[in-house]
Amino acid sequence: QMKKQCDQKLLIRMKTECVPCSLNLKTQCPAGYTKITNGTGIPDCRYYLEIKTHTLSFPGCRHHCMKEFEQPECCQGHWGPDCMGK
């Protein structure tokens, strides 16, 4: 019995919104994603505050999140919704 289904494992990465680092401790990843950064996250972004007519930019932090996703795929020599062979 040859294997017909050869699912591909995909890693989807995303970053949370940039916020003040002190507030980022409580930031959660979206449902289904795993947080891969700790504490206040990574200080690699800037967030903006609008004060009257000015927009000020401050260094901030964000978390990196990851999700494993299985993409259904047929093995070589098989095709179609049921991965039928030749």
Protein backbone atom coordinates (compact mmCIF):
# COMPACT_ATOMS: atom_id res chain seq x y z
CA GLN A 1 0.00 0.00 0.00
CA MET A 2 1.72 3.15 -1.22
CA LYS A 3 1.09 6.38 0.61
CA LYS A 4 -1.16 8.69 -1.40
CA GLN A 5 -1.30 11.65 0.93
CA CYS A 6 1.90 13.62 1.64
CA ASP A 7 0.75 16.63 3.67
CA GLN A 8 3.11 19.58 3.85
CA LYS A 9 3.81 21.16 7.24
CA LEU A 10 3.86 24.93 6.98
CA LEU A 11 4.95 27.39 9.65
CA ILE A 12 3.07 30.64 9.64
CA ARG A 13 4.75 33.48 11.51
CA MET A 14 3.27 36.82 12.49
CA LYS A 15 4.04 39.74 14.78
CA THR A 16 1.72 41.41 17.25
CA GLU A 17 1.00 45.13 17.14
CA CYS A 18 3.68 47.50 18.37
CA VAL A 19 2.92 48.84 21.87
CA PRO A 20 4.90 50.37 24.75
CA CYS A 21 7.25 47.65 26.04
CA SER A 22 5.85 47.88 29.58
CA LEU A 23 2.38 46.99 28.25
CA ASN A 24 3.59 44.20 26.00
CA LEU A 25 3.98 41.64 28.83
CA LYS A 26 0.25 40.93 28.67
CA THR A 27 -0.01 40.82 24.87
CA GLN A 28 -1.35 37.52 23.57
CA CYS A 29 -1.00 35.98 20.13
CA PRO A 30 -4.14 35.47 18.06
CA ALA A 31 -6.07 32.23 18.65
CA GLY A 32 -4.18 29.21 17.36
CA TYR A 33 -0.79 30.93 17.42
CA THR A 34 2.02 30.19 19.90
CA LYS A 35 4.11 33.01 21.34
CA ILE A 36 7.79 32.44 20.53
CA THR A 37 9.11 35.52 22.34
CA ASN A 38 9.20 36.05 26.10
CA GLY A 39 8.62 38.84 28.59
CA THR A 40 8.16 42.19 26.93
CA GLY A 41 8.95 40.79 23.48
CA ILE A 42 11.31 42.32 20.95
CA PRO A 43 12.01 46.08 20.90
CA ASP A 44 12.19 46.29 17.11
CA CYS A 45 9.34 48.66 16.25
CA ARG A 46 7.85 52.09 16.82
CA TYR A 47 4.35 53.07 17.87
CA TYR A 48 2.68 56.42 17.32
CA LEU A 49 0.73 58.76 19.57
CA GLU A 50 -1.29 61.61 18.19
CA ILE A 51 -1.23 64.68 20.41
CA LYS A 52 -3.41 67.49 19.06
CA THR A 53 -1.77 68.35 15.75
CA HIS A 54 1.41 66.29 16.17
CA THR A 55 2.14 62.60 15.79
CA LEU A 56 4.92 61.39 18.06
CA SER A 57 6.80 58.17 17.47
CA PHE A 58 8.21 56.06 20.33
CA PRO A 59 10.27 52.87 20.42
CA GLY A 60 8.03 49.93 21.30
CA CYS A 61 7.92 46.16 21.58
CA ARG A 62 6.02 43.37 19.88
CA HIS A 63 5.82 39.60 20.13
CA HIS A 64 6.50 37.05 17.44
CA CYS A 65 3.91 34.30 17.05
CA MET A 66 3.94 31.03 15.16
CA LYS A 67 1.34 28.54 13.96
CA GLU A 68 1.85 25.10 12.47
CA PHE A 69 -0.42 24.37 9.56
CA GLU A 70 -0.82 21.13 7.62
CA GLN A 71 -1.49 21.65 3.95
CA PRO A 72 -3.08 18.55 2.39
CA GLU A 73 -1.06 17.41 -0.61
CA CYS A 74 -0.88 14.28 -2.72
CA CYS A 75 2.32 12.28 -3.03
CA GLN A 76 4.12 12.14 -6.38
CA GLY A 77 2.12 10.20 -8.99
CA HIS A 78 -1.21 10.85 -7.25
CA TRP A 79 -3.69 13.64 -7.83
CA GLY A 80 -7.25 14.85 -7.34
CA PRO A 81 -9.31 15.31 -4.18
CA ASP A 82 -8.82 11.65 -3.21
CA CYS A 83 -5.15 11.43 -4.31
CA MET A 84 -5.85 8.63 -6.79
CA GLY A 85 -2.93 6.90 -8.52
CA LYS A 86 -2.39 6.19 -12.20
